[in-house]
């Protein structure tokens, strides 16, 4: 929903206009606690080092499975039959709900980004349907890394993650070149994205099931030299 500011005239007409600036996001109490207590966290040289412009091919790729998809789909009262009714839609036409798809993609990305202490989802789009037996993996593109102003031990990573269907991402895409202009911090639409993929990476056309942009707070990797005594 879009927020508007305005005034009401004597005739009752509402003069609507967009606000001059976006409303400030509420401060997270969880992030505040992490910021204040980060000094008690164990430090490790094993933290994965990320850098601007890095593309990460996540190794985990798996199907959600028919049984699990139906269990999660029927947890709520209002559920569309296309999520579970095999008599009406057929086994091959059952689809996975969008929330489950997004959770599955994030789970695939977690193994490569395991040091996450806190995250915020800036935006997300579901671009293509997923069926329970479809293998889903993910890739992530690092847009920027900034040190937290209040705490030099923490960094904020702006990262974009794609969910990809029918690919064992780490193996089948390791030699595929993906143009940088495919990645953006802005929301994506399916048709323009497929047009770009058709030109540059035709094997991925119609295979991108989700796109999301997140801000991750994680420990900064140690950079000092350590001497063994």
Protein backbone atom coordinates (compact mmCIF):
# COMPACT_ATOMS: atom_id res chain seq x y z
CA UNK A 1 0.00 0.00 0.00
CA UNK A 2 1.16 3.54 -0.73
CA UNK A 3 0.98 6.21 1.97
CA UNK A 4 -0.22 9.68 0.98
CA UNK A 5 -0.32 13.04 2.70
CA UNK A 6 -2.84 15.74 1.90
CA UNK A 7 -5.50 18.21 2.98
CA UNK A 8 -9.29 18.16 2.76
CA UNK A 9 -11.08 21.08 1.08
CA UNK A 10 -14.39 22.58 2.23
CA UNK A 11 -16.19 20.48 -0.37
CA UNK A 12 -14.77 17.32 1.14
CA UNK A 13 -12.35 16.59 -1.71
CA UNK A 14 -9.12 14.95 -0.57
CA UNK A 15 -5.99 16.47 -2.11
CA UNK A 16 -3.70 13.43 -2.18
CA UNK A 17 0.01 13.56 -2.82
CA UNK A 18 2.96 11.33 -2.15
CA UNK A 19 5.02 12.11 0.95
CA UNK A 20 8.23 14.05 0.33
CA UNK A 21 10.31 11.34 1.95
CA UNK A 22 9.86 7.71 2.95
CA UNK A 23 8.77 6.97 6.49
CA UNK A 24 11.66 5.90 8.68
CA UNK A 25 11.79 2.16 9.30
CA UNK A 26 11.25 1.25 12.97
CA UNK A 27 14.45 0.39 14.82
CA UNK A 28 14.85 -3.29 15.57
CA UNK A 29 15.34 -4.21 19.22
CA UNK A 30 17.01 -7.44 18.10
CA UNK A 31 19.57 -5.54 16.04
CA UNK A 32 20.17 -3.19 18.96
CA UNK A 33 20.95 -6.15 21.23
CA UNK A 34 23.31 -7.65 18.65
CA UNK A 35 25.09 -4.32 18.29
CA UNK A 36 25.55 -3.94 22.05
CA UNK A 37 26.62 -7.53 22.75
CA UNK A 38 28.68 -8.39 19.66
CA UNK A 39 31.88 -8.29 21.75
CA UNK A 40 30.93 -11.54 23.51
CA UNK A 41 30.61 -13.44 20.20
CA UNK A 42 33.40 -15.84 19.32
CA UNK A 43 35.76 -14.46 16.69
CA UNK A 44 36.96 -16.74 13.90
CA UNK A 45 39.24 -16.57 10.88
CA UNK A 46 36.93 -19.14 9.24
CA UNK A 47 34.28 -16.53 8.37
CA UNK A 48 33.72 -16.43 4.62
CA UNK A 49 35.12 -13.23 3.14
CA UNK A 50 32.70 -11.46 0.83
CA UNK A 51 33.45 -8.60 -1.56
CA UNK A 52 31.50 -6.24 -3.81
CA UNK A 53 30.48 -7.83 -7.09
CA UNK A 54 30.94 -11.40 -5.84
CA UNK A 55 28.65 -14.08 -7.28
CA UNK A 56 27.99 -17.05 -4.99
CA UNK A 57 26.72 -20.37 -6.38
CA UNK A 58 25.03 -22.09 -3.45
CA UNK A 59 25.75 -25.81 -3.24
CA UNK A 60 22.41 -26.93 -1.79
CA UNK A 61 19.71 -27.73 -4.38
CA UNK A 62 16.69 -29.89 -3.57
CA UNK A 63 12.96 -30.35 -4.23
CA UNK A 64 10.47 -29.47 -1.50
CA UNK A 65 8.65 -32.77 -2.09
CA UNK A 66 4.93 -33.47 -2.53
CA UNK A 67 4.17 -34.48 1.08
CA UNK A 68 5.98 -31.52 2.68
CA UNK A 69 4.45 -29.07 0.23
CA UNK A 70 0.93 -30.29 1.02
CA UNK A 71 1.55 -30.25 4.76
CA UNK A 72 2.72 -26.63 4.68
CA UNK A 73 -0.01 -25.64 2.19
CA UNK A 74 -2.89 -26.87 4.37
CA UNK A 75 -1.81 -25.31 7.66
CA UNK A 76 -4.13 -22.35 7.06
CA UNK A 77 -7.85 -22.20 6.50
CA UNK A 78 -7.79 -20.28 3.22
CA UNK A 79 -5.84 -22.52 0.80
CA UNK A 80 -6.23 -22.77 -2.97
CA UNK A 81 -6.97 -26.29 -4.29
CA UNK A 82 -4.11 -26.01 -6.82
CA UNK A 83 -1.76 -26.52 -3.88
CA UNK A 84 -3.07 -29.96 -2.85
CA UNK A 85 -6.06 -31.27 -4.88
CA UNK A 86 -4.49 -33.88 -7.19
CA UNK A 87 -7.90 -35.07 -8.41
CA UNK A 88 -8.83 -31.68 -9.83
CA UNK A 89 -5.43 -30.48 -11.03
CA UNK A 90 -3.38 -33.66 -11.46
CA UNK A 91 -0.18 -34.64 -9.68
CA UNK A 92 2.08 -32.84 -12.16
CA UNK A 93 0.13 -29.57 -11.96
CA UNK A 94 0.20 -29.09 -8.18
CA UNK A 95 2.25 -25.97 -7.31
CA UNK A 96 4.26 -24.90 -4.26
CA UNK A 97 2.99 -21.78 -2.43
CA UNK A 98 5.10 -18.66 -2.82
CA UNK A 99 6.05 -18.35 0.84
CA UNK A 100 7.44 -21.88 0.84
CA UNK A 101 9.41 -21.20 -2.36
CA UNK A 102 11.01 -18.11 -0.83
CA UNK A 103 11.85 -19.98 2.39
CA UNK A 104 13.38 -22.83 0.39
CA UNK A 105 15.60 -20.45 -1.60
CA UNK A 106 16.78 -18.73 1.59
CA UNK A 107 17.54 -22.15 3.09
CA UNK A 108 19.69 -22.97 0.03
CA UNK A 109 21.60 -19.71 0.50
CA UNK A 110 22.12 -20.15 4.25
CA UNK A 111 25.01 -22.61 3.95
CA UNK A 112 27.13 -20.08 2.09
CA UNK A 113 26.09 -17.17 4.36
CA UNK A 114 26.02 -18.95 7.70
CA UNK A 115 27.41 -16.06 9.76
CA UNK A 116 24.16 -14.05 9.52
CA UNK A 117 23.19 -12.46 12.84
CA UNK A 118 20.26 -10.40 11.56
CA UNK A 119 18.60 -9.73 8.23
CA UNK A 120 16.01 -7.45 6.67
CA UNK A 121 14.10 -8.30 3.49
CA UNK A 122 13.97 -5.18 1.31
CA UNK A 123 11.75 -6.68 -1.37
CA UNK A 124 10.92 -10.03 -3.02
CA UNK A 125 9.24 -11.20 -6.23
CA UNK A 126 7.94 -14.64 -7.22
CA UNK A 127 8.59 -14.92 -10.95
CA UNK A 128 7.79 -18.49 -12.07
CA UNK A 129 5.80 -21.41 -10.68
CA UNK A 130 7.45 -24.27 -8.80
CA UNK A 131 6.11 -27.82 -8.57
CA UNK A 132 6.85 -30.05 -5.56
CA UNK A 133 9.25 -32.29 -7.51
CA UNK A 134 11.24 -29.41 -9.05
CA UNK A 135 14.81 -29.10 -7.81
CA UNK A 136 15.38 -25.53 -6.56
CA UNK A 137 18.76 -23.97 -5.86
CA UNK A 138 20.05 -20.42 -5.53
CA UNK A 139 22.71 -17.89 -6.46
CA UNK A 140 23.54 -14.65 -4.65
CA UNK A 141 25.16 -11.44 -5.88
CA UNK A 142 26.87 -9.12 -3.39
CA UNK A 143 26.00 -5.50 -4.20
CA UNK A 144 27.82 -3.79 -1.34
CA UNK A 145 29.48 -4.31 2.03
CA UNK A 146 29.54 -1.54 4.61
CA UNK A 147 30.93 -1.41 8.12
CA UNK A 148 28.34 -0.63 10.77
CA UNK A 149 28.86 2.92 11.95
CA UNK A 150 28.19 2.04 15.56
CA UNK A 151 30.25 -1.15 15.65
CA UNK A 152 33.38 -1.92 13.55
CA UNK A 153 33.08 -5.64 14.37
CA UNK A 154 29.89 -5.90 12.32
CA UNK A 155 29.22 -5.37 8.62
CA UNK A 156 26.07 -4.85 6.57
CA UNK A 157 25.91 -6.80 3.31
CA UNK A 158 23.40 -5.86 0.61
CA UNK A 159 22.81 -9.08 -1.30
CA UNK A 160 20.48 -10.20 -4.07
CA UNK A 161 19.42 -13.87 -4.25
CA UNK A 162 17.81 -15.71 -7.14
CA UNK A 163 15.95 -18.97 -6.78
CA UNK A 164 16.66 -21.19 -9.82
CA UNK A 165 14.58 -24.18 -10.87
CA UNK A 166 15.77 -27.45 -12.48
CA UNK A 167 19.49 -26.80 -12.02
CA UNK A 168 22.16 -28.25 -9.76
CA UNK A 169 23.48 -24.70 -9.48
CA UNK A 170 26.99 -25.28 -8.11
CA UNK A 171 27.83 -27.85 -10.79
CA UNK A 172 25.81 -26.89 -13.87
CA UNK A 173 26.33 -23.11 -13.68
CA UNK A 174 29.98 -23.04 -12.61
CA UNK A 175 31.16 -22.34 -16.19
CA UNK A 176 28.23 -20.13 -17.22
CA UNK A 177 28.94 -16.40 -17.53
CA UNK A 178 26.23 -14.18 -16.05
CA UNK A 179 26.38 -10.51 -17.13
CA UNK A 180 26.53 -8.03 -14.25
CA UNK A 181 23.68 -5.99 -15.72
CA UNK A 182 21.27 -8.83 -14.88
CA UNK A 183 21.57 -7.95 -11.19
CA UNK A 184 19.93 -4.90 -9.67
CA UNK A 185 18.79 -3.62 -6.31
CA UNK A 186 15.43 -2.75 -7.89
CA UNK A 187 12.49 -5.19 -8.02
CA UNK A 188 12.42 -7.42 -11.10
CA UNK A 189 9.57 -8.28 -13.47
CA UNK A 190 9.41 -11.65 -15.21
CA UNK A 191 9.01 -10.54 -18.82
CA UNK A 192 11.91 -8.01 -18.98
CA UNK A 193 14.16 -10.46 -17.10
CA UNK A 194 13.36 -13.33 -19.48
CA UNK A 195 14.08 -11.05 -22.44
CA UNK A 196 17.52 -10.24 -21.05
CA UNK A 197 18.18 -13.92 -20.26
CA UNK A 198 17.14 -14.93 -23.78
CA UNK A 199 19.90 -12.71 -25.15
CA UNK A 200 22.70 -13.51 -22.73
CA UNK A 201 21.94 -16.78 -20.86
CA UNK A 202 19.16 -18.61 -22.76
CA UNK A 203 19.40 -21.74 -20.61
CA UNK A 204 18.07 -19.73 -17.64
CA UNK A 205 15.04 -18.29 -19.42
CA UNK A 206 11.92 -19.19 -17.42
CA UNK A 207 14.02 -20.84 -14.70
CA UNK A 208 14.31 -17.91 -12.24
CA UNK A 209 11.56 -18.61 -9.71
CA UNK A 210 12.24 -15.81 -7.22
CA UNK A 211 14.27 -12.65 -6.67
CA UNK A 212 14.89 -10.98 -3.35
CA UNK A 213 17.09 -8.22 -1.94
CA UNK A 214 18.25 -8.46 1.67
CA UNK A 215 20.46 -6.55 4.07
CA UNK A 216 22.45 -8.95 6.22
CA UNK A 217 24.26 -8.07 9.44
CA UNK A 218 27.19 -10.37 10.17
CA UNK A 219 30.54 -10.40 11.91
CA UNK A 220 33.38 -8.86 9.97
CA UNK A 221 36.11 -11.42 9.16
CA UNK A 222 39.30 -10.94 11.17
CA UNK A 223 42.01 -9.24 9.15
CA UNK A 224 44.90 -9.09 11.63
CA UNK A 225 47.89 -11.39 11.36
CA UNK A 226 48.05 -14.19 13.94
CA UNK A 227 51.32 -15.74 15.16
CA UNK A 228 51.55 -19.27 16.52
CA UNK A 229 53.73 -19.50 19.63
